[in-house]
Amino acid sequence: MTENKKEFVEPVSNLEVIFKDGLPVSIVLSVEDFERMTSKIATAEELFEGKDLFMPDGQKVTFEEMADKRFALECIDRKADLDSCL
């Protein structure tokens, strides 16, 4: 792995890779890690479409801050949905 790639790779402690005949065939990760990843992808897609990284209060933020905020809001919504089912 080159130095540049290390900047973009986050270690995942609970990542499990399943191999068959020496080839990776499946990856298992926590729901939280999956949701965090999908939040980052959604934020990246918005950037690709030309949306700027501004919070609702007008403050300009970094990509990570925007993705973390999106993830936190999605967690709140998901918890509310679960609570309404009980």
N, C-alpha and C. Protein backbone atom coordinates (compact mmCIF):
# COMPACT_ATOMS: atom_id res chain seq x y z
N MET A 1 0.86 -1.18 0.00
CA MET A 1 0.00 0.00 0.00
C MET A 1 0.90 1.23 0.00
N THR A 2 0.60 2.17 -0.85
CA THR A 2 1.41 3.38 -0.92
C THR A 2 1.01 4.36 0.18
N GLU A 3 1.86 5.33 0.42
CA GLU A 3 1.58 6.34 1.44
C GLU A 3 0.28 7.07 1.16
N ASN A 4 0.02 7.41 -0.09
CA ASN A 4 -1.19 8.16 -0.43
C ASN A 4 -2.45 7.36 -0.12
N LYS A 5 -2.45 6.09 -0.36
CA LYS A 5 -3.64 5.28 -0.11
C LYS A 5 -3.95 5.18 1.37
N LYS A 6 -2.93 5.23 2.23
CA LYS A 6 -3.16 5.12 3.66
C LYS A 6 -4.06 6.24 4.17
N GLU A 7 -4.05 7.38 3.52
CA GLU A 7 -4.89 8.50 3.94
C GLU A 7 -6.38 8.18 3.79
N PHE A 8 -6.72 7.30 2.86
CA PHE A 8 -8.11 7.05 2.55
C PHE A 8 -8.65 5.76 3.15
N VAL A 9 -7.82 4.96 3.78
CA VAL A 9 -8.24 3.68 4.32
C VAL A 9 -8.36 3.80 5.83
N GLU A 10 -9.53 3.47 6.33
CA GLU A 10 -9.74 3.46 7.77
C GLU A 10 -9.71 2.02 8.25
N PRO A 11 -8.94 1.73 9.31
CA PRO A 11 -8.93 0.35 9.80
C PRO A 11 -10.26 0.01 10.46
N VAL A 12 -10.73 -1.17 10.19
CA VAL A 12 -11.98 -1.64 10.78
C VAL A 12 -11.62 -2.86 11.63
N SER A 13 -11.81 -2.74 12.94
CA SER A 13 -11.37 -3.80 13.84
C SER A 13 -12.25 -5.03 13.77
N ASN A 14 -13.52 -4.88 13.39
CA ASN A 14 -14.41 -6.02 13.38
C ASN A 14 -14.76 -6.47 11.96
N LEU A 15 -13.88 -6.21 11.03
CA LEU A 15 -14.06 -6.63 9.65
C LEU A 15 -13.64 -8.08 9.52
N GLU A 16 -14.46 -8.88 8.87
CA GLU A 16 -14.15 -10.29 8.65
C GLU A 16 -14.21 -10.57 7.15
N VAL A 17 -13.14 -11.12 6.61
CA VAL A 17 -13.09 -11.47 5.20
C VAL A 17 -13.14 -12.99 5.09
N ILE A 18 -14.05 -13.48 4.27
CA ILE A 18 -14.22 -14.92 4.09
C ILE A 18 -13.60 -15.32 2.75
N PHE A 19 -12.72 -16.28 2.81
CA PHE A 19 -12.00 -16.74 1.62
C PHE A 19 -12.50 -18.13 1.19
N LYS A 20 -12.49 -18.36 -0.10
CA LYS A 20 -12.78 -19.68 -0.65
C LYS A 20 -11.73 -19.95 -1.71
N ASP A 21 -11.01 -21.04 -1.56
CA ASP A 21 -9.92 -21.39 -2.48
C ASP A 21 -8.91 -20.25 -2.61
N GLY A 22 -8.64 -19.56 -1.50
CA GLY A 22 -7.64 -18.51 -1.49
C GLY A 22 -8.10 -17.16 -2.02
N LEU A 23 -9.37 -17.05 -2.43
CA LEU A 23 -9.90 -15.80 -2.96
C LEU A 23 -10.95 -15.24 -2.01
N PRO A 24 -10.95 -13.91 -1.80
CA PRO A 24 -11.99 -13.33 -0.94
C PRO A 24 -13.35 -13.41 -1.64
N VAL A 25 -14.34 -13.99 -0.95
CA VAL A 25 -15.67 -14.13 -1.54
C VAL A 25 -16.73 -13.35 -0.78
N SER A 26 -16.43 -12.94 0.44
CA SER A 26 -17.42 -12.22 1.23
C SER A 26 -16.72 -11.40 2.31
N ILE A 27 -17.36 -10.31 2.67
CA ILE A 27 -16.86 -9.46 3.74
C ILE A 27 -18.00 -9.23 4.71
N VAL A 28 -17.71 -9.42 5.99
CA VAL A 28 -18.71 -9.22 7.03
C VAL A 28 -18.26 -8.04 7.89
N LEU A 29 -19.14 -7.07 8.08
CA LEU A 29 -18.84 -5.95 8.95
C LEU A 29 -20.10 -5.57 9.71
N SER A 30 -19.94 -4.78 10.74
CA SER A 30 -21.07 -4.42 11.59
C SER A 30 -22.05 -3.53 10.84
N VAL A 31 -23.28 -3.50 11.31
CA VAL A 31 -24.29 -2.64 10.71
C VAL A 31 -23.87 -1.18 10.85
N GLU A 32 -23.29 -0.83 11.99
CA GLU A 32 -22.84 0.56 12.19
C GLU A 32 -21.78 0.95 11.17
N ASP A 33 -20.81 0.06 10.93
CA ASP A 33 -19.78 0.36 9.94
C ASP A 33 -20.38 0.46 8.54
N PHE A 34 -21.34 -0.40 8.24
CA PHE A 34 -22.01 -0.35 6.93
C PHE A 34 -22.77 0.96 6.76
N GLU A 35 -23.51 1.36 7.78
CA GLU A 35 -24.28 2.60 7.72
C GLU A 35 -23.35 3.81 7.60
N ARG A 36 -22.24 3.80 8.32
CA ARG A 36 -21.27 4.89 8.22
C ARG A 36 -20.73 4.97 6.79
N MET A 37 -20.44 3.81 6.19
CA MET A 37 -19.93 3.77 4.82
C MET A 37 -20.97 4.32 3.84
N THR A 38 -22.24 3.94 4.00
CA THR A 38 -23.26 4.43 3.08
C THR A 38 -23.48 5.93 3.24
N SER A 39 -23.30 6.45 4.45
CA SER A 39 -23.40 7.90 4.67
C SER A 39 -22.30 8.63 3.91
N LYS A 40 -21.10 8.07 3.95
CA LYS A 40 -19.99 8.69 3.23
C LYS A 40 -20.21 8.63 1.72
N ILE A 41 -20.75 7.53 1.24
CA ILE A 41 -21.02 7.40 -0.19
C ILE A 41 -22.07 8.42 -0.62
N ALA A 42 -23.14 8.58 0.17
CA ALA A 42 -24.19 9.55 -0.16
C ALA A 42 -23.63 10.97 -0.18
N THR A 43 -22.77 11.28 0.78
CA THR A 43 -22.16 12.61 0.82
C THR A 43 -21.26 12.82 -0.39
N ALA A 44 -20.50 11.80 -0.76
CA ALA A 44 -19.62 11.90 -1.93
C ALA A 44 -20.44 12.09 -3.21
N GLU A 45 -21.57 11.40 -3.32
CA GLU A 45 -22.43 11.56 -4.50
C GLU A 45 -22.95 12.99 -4.61
N GLU A 46 -23.33 13.58 -3.46
CA GLU A 46 -23.80 14.97 -3.47
C GLU A 46 -22.69 15.93 -3.91
N LEU A 47 -21.47 15.67 -3.44
CA LEU A 47 -20.35 16.50 -3.87
C LEU A 47 -20.13 16.37 -5.36
N PHE A 48 -20.22 15.15 -5.87
CA PHE A 48 -20.04 14.91 -7.30
C PHE A 48 -21.10 15.66 -8.11
N GLU A 49 -22.30 15.78 -7.54
CA GLU A 49 -23.39 16.50 -8.22
C GLU A 49 -23.28 18.01 -8.06
N GLY A 50 -22.27 18.48 -7.33
CA GLY A 50 -22.03 19.92 -7.21
C GLY A 50 -22.50 20.56 -5.93
N LYS A 51 -23.02 19.79 -4.98
CA LYS A 51 -23.47 20.35 -3.71
C LYS A 51 -22.26 20.72 -2.85
N ASP A 52 -22.28 21.89 -2.23
CA ASP A 52 -21.20 22.31 -1.35
C ASP A 52 -21.38 21.70 0.03
N LEU A 53 -20.31 21.69 0.79
CA LEU A 53 -20.33 21.12 2.13
C LEU A 53 -20.67 22.18 3.17
N PHE A 54 -21.93 22.54 3.25
CA PHE A 54 -22.39 23.50 4.22
C PHE A 54 -23.42 22.85 5.13
N MET A 55 -23.29 23.13 6.43
CA MET A 55 -24.27 22.66 7.41
C MET A 55 -25.51 23.55 7.30
N PRO A 56 -26.63 23.11 7.88
CA PRO A 56 -27.84 23.94 7.82
C PRO A 56 -27.66 25.36 8.35
N ASP A 57 -26.73 25.55 9.30
CA ASP A 57 -26.50 26.89 9.85
C ASP A 57 -25.58 27.73 8.97
N GLY A 58 -25.14 27.18 7.81
CA GLY A 58 -24.29 27.93 6.89
C GLY A 58 -22.80 27.74 7.08
N GLN A 59 -22.42 26.98 8.09
CA GLN A 59 -21.01 26.75 8.36
C GLN A 59 -20.44 25.75 7.35
N LYS A 60 -19.32 26.10 6.73
CA LYS A 60 -18.66 25.20 5.79
C LYS A 60 -17.88 24.15 6.58
N VAL A 61 -18.00 22.88 6.19
CA VAL A 61 -17.37 21.78 6.92
C VAL A 61 -16.56 20.90 5.96
N THR A 62 -15.81 20.00 6.53
CA THR A 62 -15.05 19.04 5.73
C THR A 62 -15.95 17.87 5.33
N PHE A 63 -15.46 17.07 4.41
CA PHE A 63 -16.19 15.88 3.99
C PHE A 63 -16.49 14.97 5.17
N GLU A 64 -15.49 14.71 6.01
CA GLU A 64 -15.68 13.84 7.17
C GLU A 64 -16.73 14.39 8.12
N GLU A 65 -16.70 15.69 8.38
CA GLU A 65 -17.69 16.29 9.27
C GLU A 65 -19.10 16.15 8.71
N MET A 66 -19.25 16.36 7.41
CA MET A 66 -20.56 16.24 6.78
C MET A 66 -21.05 14.79 6.85
N ALA A 67 -20.17 13.84 6.54
CA ALA A 67 -20.55 12.43 6.58
C ALA A 67 -20.89 11.99 8.01
N ASP A 68 -20.12 12.45 8.99
CA ASP A 68 -20.41 12.12 10.39
C ASP A 68 -21.74 12.69 10.83
N LYS A 69 -22.05 13.91 10.42
CA LYS A 69 -23.33 14.55 10.78
C LYS A 69 -24.48 13.78 10.14
N ARG A 70 -24.33 13.40 8.87
CA ARG A 70 -25.37 12.62 8.19
C ARG A 70 -25.59 11.30 8.91
N PHE A 71 -24.49 10.63 9.29
CA PHE A 71 -24.58 9.36 9.99
C PHE A 71 -25.31 9.52 11.32
N ALA A 72 -24.97 10.57 12.07
CA ALA A 72 -25.62 10.81 13.37
C ALA A 72 -27.12 11.04 13.20
N LEU A 73 -27.50 11.81 12.20
CA LEU A 73 -28.93 12.07 11.96
C LEU A 73 -29.65 10.80 11.54
N GLU A 74 -29.00 9.97 10.72
CA GLU A 74 -29.61 8.71 10.30
C GLU A 74 -29.79 7.77 11.48
N CYS A 75 -28.83 7.78 12.42
CA CYS A 75 -28.94 6.95 13.62
C CYS A 75 -30.13 7.39 14.46
N ILE A 76 -30.33 8.68 14.59
CA ILE A 76 -31.47 9.20 15.35
C ILE A 76 -32.78 8.77 14.69
N ASP A 77 -32.86 8.90 13.36
CA ASP A 77 -34.06 8.48 12.65
C ASP A 77 -34.31 6.99 12.79
N ARG A 78 -33.26 6.19 12.68
CA ARG A 78 -33.40 4.74 12.79
C ARG A 78 -33.87 4.35 14.20
N LYS A 79 -33.32 4.99 15.23
CA LYS A 79 -33.72 4.71 16.59
C LYS A 79 -35.19 5.09 16.81
N ALA A 80 -35.61 6.21 16.24
CA ALA A 80 -37.01 6.63 16.37
C ALA A 80 -37.93 5.62 15.69
N ASP A 81 -37.52 5.11 14.52
CA ASP A 81 -38.31 4.10 13.83
C ASP A 81 -38.42 2.83 14.65
N LEU A 82 -37.31 2.40 15.26
CA LEU A 82 -37.34 1.20 16.10
C LEU A 82 -38.22 1.40 17.33
N ASP A 83 -38.10 2.58 17.93
CA ASP A 83 -38.90 2.86 19.12
C ASP A 83 -40.39 2.88 18.82
N SER A 84 -40.75 3.34 17.61
CA SER A 84 -42.17 3.40 17.24
C SER A 84 -42.74 2.00 17.00
N CYS A 85 -41.89 1.02 16.75
CA CYS A 85 -42.36 -0.34 16.51
C CYS A 85 -42.62 -1.08 17.82
N LEU A 86 -42.10 -0.58 18.92
CA LEU A 86 -42.25 -1.28 20.20
C LEU A 86 -43.52 -0.98 20.89
